[in-house]
Structures are given as structure tokens and as C-alpha cells.
Amino acid sequence: MQQEFTIEGMHCNGCVARVTKALQAVADDVQVTLQPPRATLEVADPLTLDEVKAAVKNAGDYVVTPA
């Protein structure tokens, strides 16, 4: 199953790398783009918004919302 989230606060490729690494802990496949600031996750079971926010929390000051 594919899920998409908007990740506000990313400004560079370093941000993309940090968010990607953080989300790889909770998803099978992760694609993060800067423009648009979005994460596309491939998961077996749907993740809640809180689970995604918790995964990204330690990566930096990013705001996660459903896409």
C-alpha cells in the first residue's frame, strides 16, 4: 500500500536524506522529494499520522501532514 505525506520545513538535500533515513525505520520503501516537499511510503499496513510524525521527529523540525 502506498501513502503520501507532505513534509514542511525541508530546505535542502540534507533534509531529504535525514527524513528518508528516519522513515526507512517504519516503511518498506521511501521516496522523499524536496519539490514538492513530499514523502511517498510503501507499507504493508497503513501507518497513522502519529506514527509518521514520531519517526520524523528526531530528524529535525519538520511538520508532517497528509498529502
PDB file of N, CA and C in Angstrom:
ATOM      1  N   MET A   1       0.838  -1.175   0.000  1.00  0.00           N
ATOM      2  CA  MET A   1       0.000   0.000   0.000  1.00  0.00           C
ATOM      3  C   MET A   1       0.884   1.240   0.000  1.00  0.00           C
ATOM      4  N   GLN A   2       0.447   2.250  -0.728  1.00  0.00           N
ATOM      5  CA  GLN A   2       1.220   3.490  -0.823  1.00  0.00           C
ATOM      6  C   GLN A   2       0.523   4.592  -0.021  1.00  0.00           C
ATOM      7  N   GLN A   3       1.324   5.355   0.736  1.00  0.00           N
ATOM      8  CA  GLN A   3       0.816   6.501   1.480  1.00  0.00           C
ATOM      9  C   GLN A   3       1.695   7.702   1.163  1.00  0.00           C
ATOM     10  N   GLU A   4       1.071   8.890   1.149  1.00  0.00           N
ATOM     11  CA  GLU A   4       1.818  10.116   0.877  1.00  0.00           C
ATOM     12  C   GLU A   4       1.582  11.126   1.994  1.00  0.00           C
ATOM     13  N   PHE A   5       2.673  11.810   2.351  1.00  0.00           N
ATOM     14  CA  PHE A   5       2.626  12.832   3.386  1.00  0.00           C
ATOM     15  C   PHE A   5       3.406  14.047   2.912  1.00  0.00           C
ATOM     16  N   THR A   6       2.923  15.228   3.258  1.00  0.00           N
ATOM     17  CA  THR A   6       3.655  16.462   2.993  1.00  0.00           C
ATOM     18  C   THR A   6       4.585  16.686   4.175  1.00  0.00           C
ATOM     19  N   ILE A   7       5.844  17.024   3.874  1.00  0.00           N
ATOM     20  CA  ILE A   7       6.845  17.265   4.906  1.00  0.00           C
ATOM     21  C   ILE A   7       7.315  18.714   4.769  1.00  0.00           C
ATOM     22  N   GLU A   8       6.742  19.600   5.569  1.00  0.00           N
ATOM     23  CA  GLU A   8       7.123  21.009   5.521  1.00  0.00           C
ATOM     24  C   GLU A   8       8.378  21.234   6.367  1.00  0.00           C
ATOM     25  N   GLY A   9       9.225  22.158   5.916  1.00  0.00           N
ATOM     26  CA  GLY A   9      10.420  22.509   6.668  1.00  0.00           C
ATOM     27  C   GLY A   9      11.706  21.976   6.058  1.00  0.00           C
ATOM     28  N   MET A  10      11.595  21.184   4.990  1.00  0.00           N
ATOM     29  CA  MET A  10      12.808  20.704   4.316  1.00  0.00           C
ATOM     30  C   MET A  10      13.322  21.804   3.399  1.00  0.00           C
ATOM     31  N   HIS A  11      14.640  22.075   3.462  1.00  0.00           N
ATOM     32  CA  HIS A  11      15.213  23.157   2.672  1.00  0.00           C
ATOM     33  C   HIS A  11      16.327  22.723   1.738  1.00  0.00           C
ATOM     34  N   CYS A  12      16.851  21.496   1.936  1.00  0.00           N
ATOM     35  CA  CYS A  12      17.995  21.071   1.132  1.00  0.00           C
ATOM     36  C   CYS A  12      18.021  19.546   1.011  1.00  0.00           C
ATOM     37  N   ASN A  13      18.978  19.055   0.258  1.00  0.00           N
ATOM     38  CA  ASN A  13      19.107  17.606   0.081  1.00  0.00           C
ATOM     39  C   ASN A  13      19.519  16.916   1.372  1.00  0.00           C
ATOM     40  N   GLY A  14      20.165  17.636   2.277  1.00  0.00           N
ATOM     41  CA  GLY A  14      20.486  17.074   3.584  1.00  0.00           C
ATOM     42  C   GLY A  14      19.216  16.773   4.368  1.00  0.00           C
ATOM     43  N   CYS A  15      18.252  17.675   4.277  1.00  0.00           N
ATOM     44  CA  CYS A  15      16.952  17.445   4.917  1.00  0.00           C
ATOM     45  C   CYS A  15      16.279  16.208   4.324  1.00  0.00           C
ATOM     46  N   VAL A  16      16.307  16.104   3.015  1.00  0.00           N
ATOM     47  CA  VAL A  16      15.708  14.951   2.336  1.00  0.00           C
ATOM     48  C   VAL A  16      16.359  13.667   2.835  1.00  0.00           C
ATOM     49  N   ALA A  17      17.673  13.661   2.958  1.00  0.00           N
ATOM     50  CA  ALA A  17      18.392  12.468   3.415  1.00  0.00           C
ATOM     51  C   ALA A  17      18.018  12.110   4.848  1.00  0.00           C
ATOM     52  N   ARG A  18      17.917  13.109   5.729  1.00  0.00           N
ATOM     53  CA  ARG A  18      17.552  12.850   7.132  1.00  0.00           C
ATOM     54  C   ARG A  18      16.138  12.294   7.243  1.00  0.00           C
ATOM     55  N   VAL A  19      15.200  12.883   6.504  1.00  0.00           N
ATOM     56  CA  VAL A  19      13.810  12.422   6.551  1.00  0.00           C
ATOM     57  C   VAL A  19      13.702  11.019   5.950  1.00  0.00           C
ATOM     58  N   THR A  20      14.405  10.785   4.855  1.00  0.00           N
ATOM     59  CA  THR A  20      14.388   9.453   4.232  1.00  0.00           C
ATOM     60  C   THR A  20      14.879   8.404   5.214  1.00  0.00           C
ATOM     61  N   LYS A  21      16.004   8.671   5.846  1.00  0.00           N
ATOM     62  CA  LYS A  21      16.576   7.719   6.806  1.00  0.00           C
ATOM     63  C   LYS A  21      15.612   7.460   7.960  1.00  0.00           C
ATOM     64  N   ALA A  22      14.981   8.505   8.459  1.00  0.00           N
ATOM     65  CA  ALA A  22      14.039   8.360   9.569  1.00  0.00           C
ATOM     66  C   ALA A  22      12.839   7.508   9.172  1.00  0.00           C
ATOM     67  N   LEU A  23      12.336   7.710   7.967  1.00  0.00           N
ATOM     68  CA  LEU A  23      11.145   6.981   7.530  1.00  0.00           C
ATOM     69  C   LEU A  23      11.449   5.541   7.129  1.00  0.00           C
ATOM     70  N   GLN A  24      12.683   5.250   6.788  1.00  0.00           N
ATOM     71  CA  GLN A  24      13.044   3.875   6.438  1.00  0.00           C
ATOM     72  C   GLN A  24      12.866   2.927   7.617  1.00  0.00           C
ATOM     73  N   ALA A  25      12.817   3.471   8.823  1.00  0.00           N
ATOM     74  CA  ALA A  25      12.602   2.642  10.013  1.00  0.00           C
ATOM     75  C   ALA A  25      11.159   2.142  10.116  1.00  0.00           C
ATOM     76  N   VAL A  26      10.226   2.818   9.431  1.00  0.00           N
ATOM     77  CA  VAL A  26       8.813   2.441   9.557  1.00  0.00           C
ATOM     78  C   VAL A  26       8.161   2.012   8.246  1.00  0.00           C
ATOM     79  N   ALA A  27       8.861   2.141   7.123  1.00  0.00           N
ATOM     80  CA  ALA A  27       8.274   1.810   5.821  1.00  0.00           C
ATOM     81  C   ALA A  27       9.192   0.885   5.036  1.00  0.00           C
ATOM     82  N   ASP A  28       8.597   0.112   4.131  1.00  0.00           N
ATOM     83  CA  ASP A  28       9.363  -0.815   3.305  1.00  0.00           C
ATOM     84  C   ASP A  28      10.161  -0.085   2.229  1.00  0.00           C
ATOM     85  N   ASP A  29       9.555   0.941   1.633  1.00  0.00           N
ATOM     86  CA  ASP A  29      10.217   1.728   0.592  1.00  0.00           C
ATOM     87  C   ASP A  29       9.847   3.190   0.818  1.00  0.00           C
ATOM     88  N   VAL A  30      10.833   4.078   0.672  1.00  0.00           N
ATOM     89  CA  VAL A  30      10.626   5.500   0.955  1.00  0.00           C
ATOM     90  C   VAL A  30      11.172   6.337  -0.194  1.00  0.00           C
ATOM     91  N   GLN A  31      10.361   7.282  -0.679  1.00  0.00           N
ATOM     92  CA  GLN A  31      10.797   8.266  -1.664  1.00  0.00           C
ATOM     93  C   GLN A  31      10.456   9.639  -1.089  1.00  0.00           C
ATOM     94  N   VAL A  32      11.476  10.487  -0.923  1.00  0.00           N
ATOM     95  CA  VAL A  32      11.262  11.828  -0.388  1.00  0.00           C
ATOM     96  C   VAL A  32      11.739  12.835  -1.427  1.00  0.00           C
ATOM     97  N   THR A  33      10.905  13.839  -1.704  1.00  0.00           N
ATOM     98  CA  THR A  33      11.263  14.872  -2.673  1.00  0.00           C
ATOM     99  C   THR A  33      11.216  16.245  -2.010  1.00  0.00           C
ATOM    100  N   LEU A  34      12.060  17.128  -2.505  1.00  0.00           N
ATOM    101  CA  LEU A  34      12.119  18.492  -1.983  1.00  0.00           C
ATOM    102  C   LEU A  34      11.064  19.382  -2.626  1.00  0.00           C
ATOM    103  N   GLN A  35      10.854  19.219  -3.915  1.00  0.00           N
ATOM    104  CA  GLN A  35       9.850  19.986  -4.658  1.00  0.00           C
ATOM    105  C   GLN A  35       8.960  19.043  -5.425  1.00  0.00           C
ATOM    106  N   PRO A  36       7.788  18.743  -4.963  1.00  0.00           N
ATOM    107  CA  PRO A  36       7.149  19.230  -3.746  1.00  0.00           C
ATOM    108  C   PRO A  36       7.720  18.531  -2.508  1.00  0.00           C
ATOM    109  N   PRO A  37       7.577  19.139  -1.342  1.00  0.00           N
ATOM    110  CA  PRO A  37       8.104  18.538  -0.112  1.00  0.00           C
ATOM    111  C   PRO A  37       7.212  17.378   0.333  1.00  0.00           C
ATOM    112  N   ARG A  38       7.498  16.206  -0.186  1.00  0.00           N
ATOM    113  CA  ARG A  38       6.586  15.082  -0.008  1.00  0.00           C
ATOM    114  C   ARG A  38       7.349  13.797   0.251  1.00  0.00           C
ATOM    115  N   ALA A  39       6.727  12.930   1.048  1.00  0.00           N
ATOM    116  CA  ALA A  39       7.259  11.583   1.281  1.00  0.00           C
ATOM    117  C   ALA A  39       6.224  10.585   0.791  1.00  0.00           C
ATOM    118  N   THR A  40       6.664   9.657  -0.036  1.00  0.00           N
ATOM    119  CA  THR A  40       5.817   8.581  -0.506  1.00  0.00           C
ATOM    120  C   THR A  40       6.337   7.299   0.117  1.00  0.00           C
ATOM    121  N   LEU A  41       5.476   6.620   0.853  1.00  0.00           N
ATOM    122  CA  LEU A  41       5.869   5.421   1.577  1.00  0.00           C
ATOM    123  C   LEU A  41       5.161   4.203   1.023  1.00  0.00           C
ATOM    124  N   GLU A  42       5.878   3.129   0.899  1.00  0.00           N
ATOM    125  CA  GLU A  42       5.298   1.842   0.532  1.00  0.00           C
ATOM    126  C   GLU A  42       5.305   1.006   1.801  1.00  0.00           C
ATOM    127  N   VAL A  43       4.107   0.621   2.261  1.00  0.00           N
ATOM    128  CA  VAL A  43       3.975  -0.100   3.529  1.00  0.00           C
ATOM    129  C   VAL A  43       3.027  -1.285   3.368  1.00  0.00           C
ATOM    130  N   ALA A  44       3.239  -2.312   4.197  1.00  0.00           N
ATOM    131  CA  ALA A  44       2.341  -3.461   4.175  1.00  0.00           C
ATOM    132  C   ALA A  44       1.012  -3.100   4.838  1.00  0.00           C
ATOM    133  N   ASP A  45       1.096  -2.413   5.992  1.00  0.00           N
ATOM    134  CA  ASP A  45      -0.092  -1.975   6.724  1.00  0.00           C
ATOM    135  C   ASP A  45      -0.050  -0.456   6.850  1.00  0.00           C
ATOM    136  N   PRO A  46      -1.199   0.205   6.735  1.00  0.00           N
ATOM    137  CA  PRO A  46      -1.222   1.668   6.801  1.00  0.00           C
ATOM    138  C   PRO A  46      -0.624   2.197   8.105  1.00  0.00           C
ATOM    139  N   LEU A  47       0.132   3.289   7.980  1.00  0.00           N
ATOM    140  CA  LEU A  47       0.689   3.974   9.139  1.00  0.00           C
ATOM    141  C   LEU A  47      -0.236   5.115   9.529  1.00  0.00           C
ATOM    142  N   THR A  48      -0.317   5.383  10.820  1.00  0.00           N
ATOM    143  CA  THR A  48      -1.087   6.544  11.262  1.00  0.00           C
ATOM    144  C   THR A  48      -0.219   7.789  11.108  1.00  0.00           C
ATOM    145  N   LEU A  49      -0.858   8.925  11.094  1.00  0.00           N
ATOM    146  CA  LEU A  49      -0.133  10.191  11.021  1.00  0.00           C
ATOM    147  C   LEU A  49       0.806  10.323  12.214  1.00  0.00           C
ATOM    148  N   ASP A  50       0.354   9.902  13.384  1.00  0.00           N
ATOM    149  CA  ASP A  50       1.194   9.977  14.589  1.00  0.00           C
ATOM    150  C   ASP A  50       2.443   9.110  14.469  1.00  0.00           C
ATOM    151  N   GLU A  51       2.333   7.947  13.844  1.00  0.00           N
ATOM    152  CA  GLU A  51       3.498   7.079  13.646  1.00  0.00           C
ATOM    153  C   GLU A  51       4.523   7.732  12.733  1.00  0.00           C
ATOM    154  N   VAL A  52       4.043   8.377  11.685  1.00  0.00           N
ATOM    155  CA  VAL A  52       4.951   9.053  10.750  1.00  0.00           C
ATOM    156  C   VAL A  52       5.585  10.265  11.433  1.00  0.00           C
ATOM    157  N   LYS A  53       4.786  11.030  12.166  1.00  0.00           N
ATOM    158  CA  LYS A  53       5.331  12.182  12.895  1.00  0.00           C
ATOM    159  C   LYS A  53       6.397  11.747  13.889  1.00  0.00           C
ATOM    160  N   ALA A  54       6.156  10.647  14.596  1.00  0.00           N
ATOM    161  CA  ALA A  54       7.119  10.150  15.579  1.00  0.00           C
ATOM    162  C   ALA A  54       8.425   9.731  14.904  1.00  0.00           C
ATOM    163  N   ALA A  55       8.330   9.126  13.725  1.00  0.00           N
ATOM    164  CA  ALA A  55       9.525   8.696  13.000  1.00  0.00           C
ATOM    165  C   ALA A  55      10.356   9.892  12.549  1.00  0.00           C
ATOM    166  N   VAL A  56       9.697  10.965  12.123  1.00  0.00           N
ATOM    167  CA  VAL A  56      10.381  12.135  11.585  1.00  0.00           C
ATOM    168  C   VAL A  56      10.860  13.088  12.694  1.00  0.00           C
ATOM    169  N   LYS A  57      10.275  12.971  13.878  1.00  0.00           N
ATOM    170  CA  LYS A  57      10.549  13.904  14.975  1.00  0.00           C
ATOM    171  C   LYS A  57      12.039  14.090  15.253  1.00  0.00           C
ATOM    172  N   ASN A  58      12.800  13.014  15.298  1.00  0.00           N
ATOM    173  CA  ASN A  58      14.222  13.110  15.630  1.00  0.00           C
ATOM    174  C   ASN A  58      15.097  13.544  14.451  1.00  0.00           C
ATOM    175  N   ALA A  59      14.513  13.619  13.260  1.00  0.00           N
ATOM    176  CA  ALA A  59      15.282  14.016  12.085  1.00  0.00           C
ATOM    177  C   ALA A  59      15.457  15.537  12.007  1.00  0.00           C
ATOM    178  N   GLY A  60      14.553  16.276  12.627  1.00  0.00           N
ATOM    179  CA  GLY A  60      14.630  17.729  12.561  1.00  0.00           C
ATOM    180  C   GLY A  60      13.278  18.351  12.838  1.00  0.00           C
ATOM    181  N   ASP A  61      13.195  19.647  12.628  1.00  0.00           N
ATOM    182  CA  ASP A  61      11.975  20.401  12.906  1.00  0.00           C
ATOM    183  C   ASP A  61      11.093  20.425  11.661  1.00  0.00           C
ATOM    184  N   TYR A  62      10.432  19.296  11.395  1.00  0.00           N
ATOM    185  CA  TYR A  62       9.602  19.155  10.200  1.00  0.00           C
ATOM    186  C   TYR A  62       8.145  18.979  10.611  1.00  0.00           C
ATOM    187  N   VAL A  63       7.239  19.451   9.765  1.00  0.00           N
ATOM    188  CA  VAL A  63       5.815  19.328  10.015  1.00  0.00           C
ATOM    189  C   VAL A  63       5.244  18.342   9.001  1.00  0.00           C
ATOM    190  N   VAL A  64       4.654  17.267   9.508  1.00  0.00           N
ATOM    191  CA  VAL A  64       4.106  16.206   8.660  1.00  0.00           C
ATOM    192  C   VAL A  64       2.593  16.336   8.622  1.00  0.00           C
ATOM    193  N   THR A  65       2.034  16.339   7.402  1.00  0.00           N
ATOM    194  CA  THR A  65       0.592  16.366   7.209  1.00  0.00           C
ATOM    195  C   THR A  65       0.237  15.395   6.094  1.00  0.00           C
ATOM    196  N   PRO A  66      -0.998  14.904   6.074  1.00  0.00           N
ATOM    197  CA  PRO A  66      -1.392  14.031   4.961  1.00  0.00           C
ATOM    198  C   PRO A  66      -1.335  14.801   3.643  1.00  0.00           C
ATOM    199  N   ALA A  67      -0.928  14.124   2.601  1.00  0.00           N
ATOM    200  CA  ALA A  67      -0.839  14.781   1.287  1.00  0.00           C
ATOM    201  C   ALA A  67      -2.170  14.726   0.584  1.00  0.00           C
TER     202      ALA A  67
END
